[in-house]
Amino acid sequence: MKKYIVEMSETAEQDLENIISYLRYNLLEDIIADKYKILFKQELRNLENVAESMPILDEELTGHKNVRKINVRNYIVFYTVDEENFKAFVLRIGHAFMNWEKYLKDK
């Protein structure tokens, strides 16, 4: 089985930081924020093994070629795969109920 190196864009890193901060400070839920931080780390580690198995999203919706996604509870991780170099590149992380089509196009 191929193993991919997972890299995150600065924007995706900021998205994740914003999610954790929101849970911690706006909802005042330190325990939930810590659990989500661990969950995201686990799912990104799992992406090393399953990156190429997720379907490619419609380019008209995302504004990008070869974008895939994984769900992490009520969030979505958007990424691309470089199969030649065995890399998965995380573009954005957003809430599942947001207008993610516009979110990706604004990147």
N, C-alpha and C. Protein backbone atom coordinates (compact mmCIF):
# COMPACT_ATOMS: atom_id res chain seq x y z
N MET A 1 0.84 -1.17 0.00
CA MET A 1 0.00 0.00 0.00
C MET A 1 0.90 1.24 0.00
N LYS A 2 0.54 2.22 -0.81
CA LYS A 2 1.28 3.47 -0.87
C LYS A 2 1.09 4.25 0.42
N LYS A 3 2.14 4.93 0.83
CA LYS A 3 2.04 5.82 1.98
C LYS A 3 2.40 7.22 1.50
N TYR A 4 1.50 8.16 1.77
CA TYR A 4 1.66 9.53 1.31
C TYR A 4 2.20 10.42 2.42
N ILE A 5 2.97 11.41 2.02
CA ILE A 5 3.39 12.46 2.94
C ILE A 5 2.29 13.51 2.92
N VAL A 6 1.79 13.88 4.09
CA VAL A 6 0.72 14.87 4.17
C VAL A 6 1.33 16.22 4.53
N GLU A 7 1.08 17.20 3.68
CA GLU A 7 1.52 18.57 3.91
C GLU A 7 0.30 19.46 3.96
N MET A 8 0.41 20.52 4.74
CA MET A 8 -0.71 21.46 4.88
C MET A 8 -0.31 22.83 4.38
N SER A 9 -1.22 23.47 3.67
CA SER A 9 -1.00 24.86 3.26
C SER A 9 -1.05 25.73 4.52
N GLU A 10 -0.48 26.92 4.41
CA GLU A 10 -0.57 27.86 5.54
C GLU A 10 -2.03 28.18 5.84
N THR A 11 -2.83 28.25 4.79
CA THR A 11 -4.26 28.55 4.96
C THR A 11 -4.95 27.43 5.74
N ALA A 12 -4.63 26.18 5.42
CA ALA A 12 -5.23 25.05 6.12
C ALA A 12 -4.79 25.02 7.58
N GLU A 13 -3.51 25.32 7.81
CA GLU A 13 -3.03 25.38 9.20
C GLU A 13 -3.77 26.46 9.98
N GLN A 14 -4.01 27.60 9.34
CA GLN A 14 -4.76 28.68 9.98
C GLN A 14 -6.22 28.27 10.21
N ASP A 15 -6.80 27.57 9.22
CA ASP A 15 -8.17 27.06 9.38
C ASP A 15 -8.27 26.18 10.62
N LEU A 16 -7.33 25.26 10.76
CA LEU A 16 -7.35 24.34 11.89
C LEU A 16 -7.16 25.09 13.20
N GLU A 17 -6.25 26.03 13.22
CA GLU A 17 -6.04 26.84 14.42
C GLU A 17 -7.30 27.62 14.78
N ASN A 18 -7.98 28.16 13.77
CA ASN A 18 -9.22 28.90 14.01
C ASN A 18 -10.32 28.01 14.57
N ILE A 19 -10.42 26.79 14.07
CA ILE A 19 -11.43 25.84 14.55
C ILE A 19 -11.18 25.53 16.03
N ILE A 20 -9.95 25.21 16.36
CA ILE A 20 -9.62 24.86 17.75
C ILE A 20 -9.83 26.07 18.66
N SER A 21 -9.41 27.25 18.21
CA SER A 21 -9.61 28.47 19.01
C SER A 21 -11.08 28.75 19.23
N TYR A 22 -11.88 28.58 18.18
CA TYR A 22 -13.32 28.82 18.30
C TYR A 22 -13.92 27.90 19.36
N LEU A 23 -13.58 26.61 19.28
CA LEU A 23 -14.11 25.66 20.26
C LEU A 23 -13.66 26.01 21.67
N ARG A 24 -12.41 26.41 21.79
CA ARG A 24 -11.85 26.68 23.11
C ARG A 24 -12.36 27.99 23.72
N TYR A 25 -12.39 29.06 22.92
CA TYR A 25 -12.66 30.38 23.49
C TYR A 25 -14.09 30.88 23.29
N ASN A 26 -14.69 30.57 22.15
CA ASN A 26 -16.06 31.04 21.92
C ASN A 26 -17.08 30.12 22.58
N LEU A 27 -16.84 28.83 22.49
CA LEU A 27 -17.76 27.90 23.12
C LEU A 27 -17.33 27.53 24.54
N LEU A 28 -16.13 27.97 24.92
CA LEU A 28 -15.57 27.68 26.24
C LEU A 28 -15.55 26.17 26.51
N GLU A 29 -15.07 25.43 25.54
CA GLU A 29 -15.05 23.97 25.63
C GLU A 29 -13.63 23.45 25.44
N ASP A 30 -12.81 23.56 26.50
CA ASP A 30 -11.42 23.11 26.42
C ASP A 30 -11.32 21.62 26.10
N ILE A 31 -12.14 20.81 26.73
CA ILE A 31 -12.07 19.37 26.53
C ILE A 31 -12.42 19.01 25.08
N ILE A 32 -13.48 19.62 24.56
CA ILE A 32 -13.89 19.35 23.17
C ILE A 32 -12.81 19.84 22.21
N ALA A 33 -12.25 21.01 22.46
CA ALA A 33 -11.19 21.55 21.60
C ALA A 33 -10.00 20.59 21.57
N ASP A 34 -9.61 20.07 22.72
CA ASP A 34 -8.49 19.12 22.79
C ASP A 34 -8.82 17.83 22.04
N LYS A 35 -10.06 17.35 22.18
CA LYS A 35 -10.46 16.12 21.48
C LYS A 35 -10.43 16.32 19.97
N TYR A 36 -10.90 17.49 19.51
CA TYR A 36 -10.89 17.77 18.07
C TYR A 36 -9.46 17.89 17.55
N LYS A 37 -8.59 18.48 18.34
CA LYS A 37 -7.19 18.61 17.92
C LYS A 37 -6.59 17.22 17.72
N ILE A 38 -6.84 16.33 18.64
CA ILE A 38 -6.36 14.95 18.53
C ILE A 38 -7.01 14.25 17.34
N LEU A 39 -8.31 14.43 17.17
CA LEU A 39 -9.04 13.80 16.07
C LEU A 39 -8.49 14.25 14.71
N PHE A 40 -8.25 15.56 14.56
CA PHE A 40 -7.69 16.05 13.30
C PHE A 40 -6.31 15.45 13.04
N LYS A 41 -5.48 15.36 14.08
CA LYS A 41 -4.14 14.77 13.91
C LYS A 41 -4.26 13.32 13.46
N GLN A 42 -5.19 12.57 14.07
CA GLN A 42 -5.39 11.16 13.70
C GLN A 42 -5.86 11.03 12.26
N GLU A 43 -6.83 11.86 11.87
CA GLU A 43 -7.37 11.77 10.52
C GLU A 43 -6.34 12.17 9.46
N LEU A 44 -5.52 13.17 9.78
CA LEU A 44 -4.47 13.56 8.84
C LEU A 44 -3.40 12.47 8.75
N ARG A 45 -3.15 11.78 9.84
CA ARG A 45 -2.23 10.64 9.81
C ARG A 45 -2.84 9.50 8.99
N ASN A 46 -4.14 9.27 9.13
CA ASN A 46 -4.82 8.24 8.33
C ASN A 46 -4.78 8.57 6.85
N LEU A 47 -4.78 9.86 6.53
CA LEU A 47 -4.75 10.30 5.14
C LEU A 47 -3.49 9.78 4.44
N GLU A 48 -2.43 9.53 5.19
CA GLU A 48 -1.20 8.97 4.62
C GLU A 48 -1.48 7.66 3.88
N ASN A 49 -2.47 6.91 4.35
CA ASN A 49 -2.76 5.59 3.78
C ASN A 49 -3.93 5.58 2.80
N VAL A 50 -4.81 6.57 2.87
CA VAL A 50 -6.03 6.51 2.06
C VAL A 50 -6.18 7.68 1.08
N ALA A 51 -5.16 8.49 0.94
CA ALA A 51 -5.28 9.74 0.17
C ALA A 51 -5.84 9.52 -1.23
N GLU A 52 -5.37 8.51 -1.93
CA GLU A 52 -5.80 8.32 -3.32
C GLU A 52 -7.15 7.63 -3.43
N SER A 53 -7.68 7.12 -2.34
CA SER A 53 -8.92 6.35 -2.41
C SER A 53 -10.19 7.20 -2.40
N MET A 54 -10.08 8.46 -2.03
CA MET A 54 -11.25 9.32 -1.98
C MET A 54 -11.56 9.86 -3.38
N PRO A 55 -12.86 10.02 -3.71
CA PRO A 55 -13.22 10.49 -5.05
C PRO A 55 -12.82 11.95 -5.28
N ILE A 56 -12.56 12.28 -6.53
CA ILE A 56 -12.22 13.65 -6.92
C ILE A 56 -13.51 14.44 -7.05
N LEU A 57 -13.53 15.64 -6.48
CA LEU A 57 -14.71 16.51 -6.55
C LEU A 57 -14.78 17.21 -7.89
N ASP A 58 -15.96 17.65 -8.26
CA ASP A 58 -16.20 18.35 -9.52
C ASP A 58 -15.43 19.68 -9.54
N GLU A 59 -14.62 19.87 -10.56
CA GLU A 59 -13.80 21.08 -10.68
C GLU A 59 -14.65 22.34 -10.77
N GLU A 60 -15.83 22.24 -11.36
CA GLU A 60 -16.70 23.41 -11.45
C GLU A 60 -17.14 23.88 -10.06
N LEU A 61 -17.27 22.97 -9.13
CA LEU A 61 -17.69 23.33 -7.78
C LEU A 61 -16.54 23.88 -6.95
N THR A 62 -15.35 23.33 -7.15
CA THR A 62 -14.22 23.69 -6.29
C THR A 62 -13.33 24.79 -6.87
N GLY A 63 -13.32 24.91 -8.18
CA GLY A 63 -12.43 25.87 -8.81
C GLY A 63 -11.00 25.37 -8.92
N HIS A 64 -10.78 24.12 -8.56
CA HIS A 64 -9.44 23.51 -8.60
C HIS A 64 -9.54 22.11 -9.21
N LYS A 65 -8.44 21.66 -9.81
CA LYS A 65 -8.38 20.30 -10.34
C LYS A 65 -8.01 19.31 -9.24
N ASN A 66 -8.58 18.15 -9.32
CA ASN A 66 -8.21 17.01 -8.49
C ASN A 66 -8.35 17.22 -6.99
N VAL A 67 -9.34 17.99 -6.56
CA VAL A 67 -9.57 18.18 -5.13
C VAL A 67 -10.39 17.01 -4.60
N ARG A 68 -9.96 16.50 -3.49
CA ARG A 68 -10.67 15.42 -2.79
C ARG A 68 -11.02 15.92 -1.40
N LYS A 69 -11.80 15.12 -0.67
CA LYS A 69 -12.16 15.53 0.69
C LYS A 69 -12.30 14.33 1.59
N ILE A 70 -12.07 14.59 2.87
CA ILE A 70 -12.41 13.63 3.91
C ILE A 70 -13.21 14.39 4.96
N ASN A 71 -14.11 13.70 5.60
CA ASN A 71 -14.93 14.29 6.65
C ASN A 71 -14.30 13.96 8.01
N VAL A 72 -14.26 14.98 8.85
CA VAL A 72 -13.81 14.80 10.23
C VAL A 72 -14.93 15.37 11.09
N ARG A 73 -15.80 14.48 11.50
CA ARG A 73 -17.05 14.83 12.18
C ARG A 73 -17.81 15.86 11.38
N ASN A 74 -17.96 17.07 11.89
CA ASN A 74 -18.74 18.07 11.15
C ASN A 74 -17.84 19.07 10.42
N TYR A 75 -16.63 18.63 10.07
CA TYR A 75 -15.70 19.44 9.29
C TYR A 75 -15.26 18.66 8.05
N ILE A 76 -14.77 19.38 7.07
CA ILE A 76 -14.29 18.76 5.85
C ILE A 76 -12.86 19.21 5.59
N VAL A 77 -12.00 18.25 5.28
CA VAL A 77 -10.61 18.52 4.91
C VAL A 77 -10.51 18.36 3.40
N PHE A 78 -10.14 19.43 2.71
CA PHE A 78 -9.99 19.41 1.25
C PHE A 78 -8.51 19.30 0.91
N TYR A 79 -8.19 18.40 0.00
CA TYR A 79 -6.79 18.17 -0.33
C TYR A 79 -6.63 17.71 -1.78
N THR A 80 -5.40 17.77 -2.25
CA THR A 80 -5.04 17.23 -3.56
C THR A 80 -3.98 16.16 -3.35
N VAL A 81 -3.82 15.31 -4.37
CA VAL A 81 -2.84 14.23 -4.29
C VAL A 81 -1.86 14.36 -5.45
N ASP A 82 -0.59 14.29 -5.11
CA ASP A 82 0.48 14.20 -6.10
C ASP A 82 0.95 12.76 -6.08
N GLU A 83 0.42 11.96 -7.02
CA GLU A 83 0.69 10.52 -7.00
C GLU A 83 2.13 10.19 -7.39
N GLU A 84 2.75 11.04 -8.18
CA GLU A 84 4.14 10.79 -8.58
C GLU A 84 5.10 10.91 -7.39
N ASN A 85 4.83 11.88 -6.53
CA ASN A 85 5.71 12.13 -5.38
C ASN A 85 5.14 11.64 -4.06
N PHE A 86 3.99 10.95 -4.13
CA PHE A 86 3.34 10.39 -2.95
C PHE A 86 3.11 11.45 -1.87
N LYS A 87 2.47 12.55 -2.29
CA LYS A 87 2.15 13.62 -1.35
C LYS A 87 0.66 13.94 -1.41
N ALA A 88 0.11 14.23 -0.24
CA ALA A 88 -1.26 14.76 -0.13
C ALA A 88 -1.11 16.16 0.44
N PHE A 89 -1.69 17.13 -0.26
CA PHE A 89 -1.55 18.52 0.14
C PHE A 89 -2.90 19.07 0.57
N VAL A 90 -3.02 19.40 1.85
CA VAL A 90 -4.27 19.90 2.41
C VAL A 90 -4.41 21.37 2.05
N LEU A 91 -5.51 21.68 1.35
CA LEU A 91 -5.78 23.05 0.91
C LEU A 91 -6.49 23.88 1.96
N ARG A 92 -7.59 23.34 2.46
CA ARG A 92 -8.46 24.06 3.41
C ARG A 92 -9.12 23.06 4.34
N ILE A 93 -9.58 23.56 5.47
CA ILE A 93 -10.40 22.80 6.41
C ILE A 93 -11.56 23.71 6.79
N GLY A 94 -12.78 23.23 6.62
CA GLY A 94 -13.93 24.07 6.91
C GLY A 94 -15.09 23.27 7.48
N HIS A 95 -16.06 23.98 8.00
CA HIS A 95 -17.25 23.36 8.56
C HIS A 95 -18.11 22.80 7.42
N ALA A 96 -18.70 21.67 7.66
CA ALA A 96 -19.47 20.98 6.62
C ALA A 96 -20.68 21.78 6.16
N PHE A 97 -21.24 22.65 7.01
CA PHE A 97 -22.44 23.38 6.64
C PHE A 97 -22.18 24.75 6.04
N MET A 98 -20.91 25.08 5.84
CA MET A 98 -20.60 26.36 5.23
C MET A 98 -20.66 26.24 3.71
N ASN A 99 -20.60 27.34 3.03
CA ASN A 99 -20.58 27.34 1.57
C ASN A 99 -19.17 26.98 1.13
N TRP A 100 -18.83 25.70 1.18
CA TRP A 100 -17.46 25.27 0.92
C TRP A 100 -17.05 25.47 -0.54
N GLU A 101 -18.02 25.51 -1.45
CA GLU A 101 -17.67 25.76 -2.85
C GLU A 101 -17.05 27.14 -2.98
N LYS A 102 -17.68 28.15 -2.38
CA LYS A 102 -17.14 29.52 -2.41
C LYS A 102 -15.86 29.59 -1.60
N TYR A 103 -15.81 28.88 -0.49
CA TYR A 103 -14.66 28.85 0.40
C TYR A 103 -13.40 28.39 -0.34
N LEU A 104 -13.53 27.36 -1.15
CA LEU A 104 -12.39 26.85 -1.92
C LEU A 104 -12.02 27.79 -3.05
N LYS A 105 -13.01 28.34 -3.71
CA LYS A 105 -12.73 29.23 -4.82
C LYS A 105 -12.06 30.52 -4.37
N ASP A 106 -12.32 30.93 -3.12
CA ASP A 106 -11.71 32.14 -2.58
C ASP A 106 -10.27 31.93 -2.13
N LYS A 107 -9.80 30.73 -2.12
CA LYS A 107 -8.45 30.43 -1.64
C LYS A 107 -7.38 31.16 -2.39
